[in-house]
Amino acid sequence: MLWCAHLNIVNAVMTPWSVYLIRTADDSLYTGITTDVSRRFSQHQSGKGAKALRGKGELRLAFTAQVGERSLALRIEYRIKQLTKRQKERLVSGDGSFEALLASLQMPALKSD
């Protein structure tokens, strides 16, 4: 029993975290982090995710990037939430803003999906 619990902890530590943005029907952008973007997006669509997205109409996944450790994902999520709508749109468009965001956090460039 203890061995299984240990394996679960090891798997949880090794699972890479991702940051994601969801576009709502009113064109707003929601930012979150998860270890499984597909699962989390499904939760949001079914109304079991963040309260901020409930009743917002159709949801579309606008941006994802696998970033590694949870602590880094939290830092990136916080920074994205500080951006203006225009800056978030540039991030979603893939114009290099994500790399600039990482540079502002003094992090190496990562590959966005």
C-alpha atoms as a PDB file:
ATOM      1  CA  MET A   1       0.000   0.000   0.000  1.00  0.00           C
ATOM      2  CA  LEU A   2       2.751   2.427   0.915  1.00  0.00           C
ATOM      3  CA  TRP A   3       4.614   1.570  -2.299  1.00  0.00           C
ATOM      4  CA  CYS A   4       1.570   2.522  -4.439  1.00  0.00           C
ATOM      5  CA  ALA A   5       1.197   5.816  -2.611  1.00  0.00           C
ATOM      6  CA  HIS A   6       4.866   6.547  -3.279  1.00  0.00           C
ATOM      7  CA  LEU A   7       4.464   5.801  -6.991  1.00  0.00           C
ATOM      8  CA  ASN A   8       1.536   8.200  -7.207  1.00  0.00           C
ATOM      9  CA  ILE A   9       3.595  10.943  -5.617  1.00  0.00           C
ATOM     10  CA  VAL A  10       6.483  10.319  -8.010  1.00  0.00           C
ATOM     11  CA  ASN A  11       4.126  10.408 -11.002  1.00  0.00           C
ATOM     12  CA  ALA A  12       2.540  13.626  -9.751  1.00  0.00           C
ATOM     13  CA  VAL A  13       5.957  15.259  -9.401  1.00  0.00           C
ATOM     14  CA  MET A  14       7.077  14.162 -12.860  1.00  0.00           C
ATOM     15  CA  THR A  15       3.890  15.220 -14.644  1.00  0.00           C
ATOM     16  CA  PRO A  16       4.569  18.429 -16.579  1.00  0.00           C
ATOM     17  CA  TRP A  17       2.301  21.408 -16.004  1.00  0.00           C
ATOM     18  CA  SER A  18       0.740  23.529 -18.734  1.00  0.00           C
ATOM     19  CA  VAL A  19      -0.662  27.018 -18.859  1.00  0.00           C
ATOM     20  CA  TYR A  20      -3.741  27.578 -21.033  1.00  0.00           C
ATOM     21  CA  LEU A  21      -6.102  30.323 -22.168  1.00  0.00           C
ATOM     22  CA  ILE A  22      -9.775  29.750 -22.948  1.00  0.00           C
ATOM     23  CA  ARG A  23     -11.812  32.149 -25.075  1.00  0.00           C
ATOM     24  CA  THR A  24     -15.454  32.588 -24.058  1.00  0.00           C
ATOM     25  CA  ALA A  25     -18.434  33.447 -26.265  1.00  0.00           C
ATOM     26  CA  ASP A  26     -18.126  37.125 -25.237  1.00  0.00           C
ATOM     27  CA  ASP A  27     -14.471  37.052 -26.441  1.00  0.00           C
ATOM     28  CA  SER A  28     -12.912  37.274 -22.979  1.00  0.00           C
ATOM     29  CA  LEU A  29      -9.875  35.168 -22.117  1.00  0.00           C
ATOM     30  CA  TYR A  30      -9.567  32.962 -19.036  1.00  0.00           C
ATOM     31  CA  THR A  31      -6.131  31.753 -17.883  1.00  0.00           C
ATOM     32  CA  GLY A  32      -5.413  28.580 -15.929  1.00  0.00           C
ATOM     33  CA  ILE A  33      -2.881  25.821 -15.271  1.00  0.00           C
ATOM     34  CA  THR A  34      -3.202  22.042 -15.263  1.00  0.00           C
ATOM     35  CA  THR A  35      -1.332  18.795 -15.802  1.00  0.00           C
ATOM     36  CA  ASP A  36      -3.912  17.650 -18.374  1.00  0.00           C
ATOM     37  CA  VAL A  37      -5.277  20.370 -20.669  1.00  0.00           C
ATOM     38  CA  SER A  38      -7.836  18.100 -22.385  1.00  0.00           C
ATOM     39  CA  ARG A  39      -9.287  16.905 -19.076  1.00  0.00           C
ATOM     40  CA  ARG A  40      -9.405  20.401 -17.598  1.00  0.00           C
ATOM     41  CA  PHE A  41     -10.980  21.898 -20.720  1.00  0.00           C
ATOM     42  CA  SER A  42     -13.666  19.182 -20.626  1.00  0.00           C
ATOM     43  CA  GLN A  43     -14.339  20.068 -16.991  1.00  0.00           C
ATOM     44  CA  HIS A  44     -14.762  23.720 -17.934  1.00  0.00           C
ATOM     45  CA  GLN A  45     -17.111  22.825 -20.797  1.00  0.00           C
ATOM     46  CA  SER A  46     -19.268  20.647 -18.541  1.00  0.00           C
ATOM     47  CA  GLY A  47     -19.587  23.385 -15.908  1.00  0.00           C
ATOM     48  CA  LYS A  48     -17.403  21.542 -13.392  1.00  0.00           C
ATOM     49  CA  GLY A  49     -14.402  23.818 -13.831  1.00  0.00           C
ATOM     50  CA  ALA A  50     -13.874  27.387 -12.673  1.00  0.00           C
ATOM     51  CA  LYS A  51     -16.969  29.343 -11.668  1.00  0.00           C
ATOM     52  CA  ALA A  52     -15.708  32.249 -13.769  1.00  0.00           C
ATOM     53  CA  LEU A  53     -16.499  30.262 -16.935  1.00  0.00           C
ATOM     54  CA  ARG A  54     -19.953  29.006 -15.997  1.00  0.00           C
ATOM     55  CA  GLY A  55     -22.701  30.466 -18.153  1.00  0.00           C
ATOM     56  CA  LYS A  56     -20.214  32.094 -20.536  1.00  0.00           C
ATOM     57  CA  GLY A  57     -21.479  30.208 -23.593  1.00  0.00           C
ATOM     58  CA  GLU A  58     -19.239  28.350 -26.008  1.00  0.00           C
ATOM     59  CA  LEU A  59     -15.663  27.907 -24.804  1.00  0.00           C
ATOM     60  CA  ARG A  60     -12.679  27.518 -27.124  1.00  0.00           C
ATOM     61  CA  LEU A  61      -9.146  26.599 -26.186  1.00  0.00           C
ATOM     62  CA  ALA A  62      -7.100  29.559 -27.450  1.00  0.00           C
ATOM     63  CA  PHE A  63      -3.566  28.830 -26.236  1.00  0.00           C
ATOM     64  CA  THR A  64      -1.580  26.126 -24.429  1.00  0.00           C
ATOM     65  CA  ALA A  65       2.062  25.796 -23.468  1.00  0.00           C
ATOM     66  CA  GLN A  66       3.695  23.032 -21.484  1.00  0.00           C
ATOM     67  CA  VAL A  67       5.940  24.758 -18.958  1.00  0.00           C
ATOM     68  CA  GLY A  68       7.262  22.053 -16.631  1.00  0.00           C
ATOM     69  CA  GLU A  69       7.027  22.420 -12.877  1.00  0.00           C
ATOM     70  CA  ARG A  70       3.935  23.660 -11.029  1.00  0.00           C
ATOM     71  CA  SER A  71       5.791  26.578  -9.455  1.00  0.00           C
ATOM     72  CA  LEU A  72       6.779  27.879 -12.888  1.00  0.00           C
ATOM     73  CA  ALA A  73       3.247  27.349 -14.205  1.00  0.00           C
ATOM     74  CA  LEU A  74       1.882  29.410 -11.307  1.00  0.00           C
ATOM     75  CA  ARG A  75       4.358  32.224 -11.989  1.00  0.00           C
ATOM     76  CA  ILE A  76       3.483  32.295 -15.688  1.00  0.00           C
ATOM     77  CA  GLU A  77      -0.259  32.146 -14.947  1.00  0.00           C
ATOM     78  CA  TYR A  78       0.052  35.085 -12.549  1.00  0.00           C
ATOM     79  CA  ARG A  79       2.020  37.117 -15.103  1.00  0.00           C
ATOM     80  CA  ILE A  80      -0.472  36.380 -17.893  1.00  0.00           C
ATOM     81  CA  LYS A  81      -3.330  37.485 -15.644  1.00  0.00           C
ATOM     82  CA  GLN A  82      -1.533  40.834 -15.221  1.00  0.00           C
ATOM     83  CA  LEU A  83      -1.467  41.427 -18.991  1.00  0.00           C
ATOM     84  CA  THR A  84      -3.925  43.682 -20.786  1.00  0.00           C
ATOM     85  CA  LYS A  85      -6.451  42.149 -23.174  1.00  0.00           C
ATOM     86  CA  ARG A  86      -4.360  43.386 -26.119  1.00  0.00           C
ATOM     87  CA  GLN A  87      -1.231  41.715 -24.733  1.00  0.00           C
ATOM     88  CA  LYS A  88      -3.133  38.460 -24.164  1.00  0.00           C
ATOM     89  CA  GLU A  89      -4.386  38.583 -27.759  1.00  0.00           C
ATOM     90  CA  ARG A  90      -0.795  38.956 -28.960  1.00  0.00           C
ATOM     91  CA  LEU A  91       0.159  35.965 -26.836  1.00  0.00           C
ATOM     92  CA  VAL A  92      -2.651  33.899 -28.381  1.00  0.00           C
ATOM     93  CA  SER A  93      -1.657  34.985 -31.902  1.00  0.00           C
ATOM     94  CA  GLY A  94       1.789  33.447 -31.434  1.00  0.00           C
ATOM     95  CA  ASP A  95       3.773  36.567 -32.311  1.00  0.00           C
ATOM     96  CA  GLY A  96       6.609  35.796 -29.909  1.00  0.00           C
ATOM     97  CA  SER A  97       4.952  37.362 -26.889  1.00  0.00           C
ATOM     98  CA  PHE A  98       5.180  34.113 -24.929  1.00  0.00           C
ATOM     99  CA  GLU A  99       8.950  34.059 -25.294  1.00  0.00           C
ATOM    100  CA  ALA A 100       9.067  37.702 -24.185  1.00  0.00           C
ATOM    101  CA  LEU A 101       6.898  36.817 -21.194  1.00  0.00           C
ATOM    102  CA  LEU A 102       9.301  34.023 -20.238  1.00  0.00           C
ATOM    103  CA  ALA A 103      12.227  36.396 -20.644  1.00  0.00           C
ATOM    104  CA  SER A 104      10.541  38.833 -18.245  1.00  0.00           C
ATOM    105  CA  LEU A 105      10.452  35.977 -15.725  1.00  0.00           C
ATOM    106  CA  GLN A 106      14.100  35.188 -16.569  1.00  0.00           C
ATOM    107  CA  MET A 107      13.102  31.726 -17.815  1.00  0.00           C
ATOM    108  CA  PRO A 108      14.434  29.812 -20.849  1.00  0.00           C
ATOM    109  CA  ALA A 109      12.180  29.712 -23.909  1.00  0.00           C
ATOM    110  CA  LEU A 110       9.604  26.908 -23.976  1.00  0.00           C
ATOM    111  CA  LYS A 111       7.579  25.532 -26.843  1.00  0.00           C
ATOM    112  CA  SER A 112       3.925  26.626 -26.955  1.00  0.00           C
ATOM    113  CA  ASP A 113       1.364  24.286 -28.505  1.00  0.00           C
END
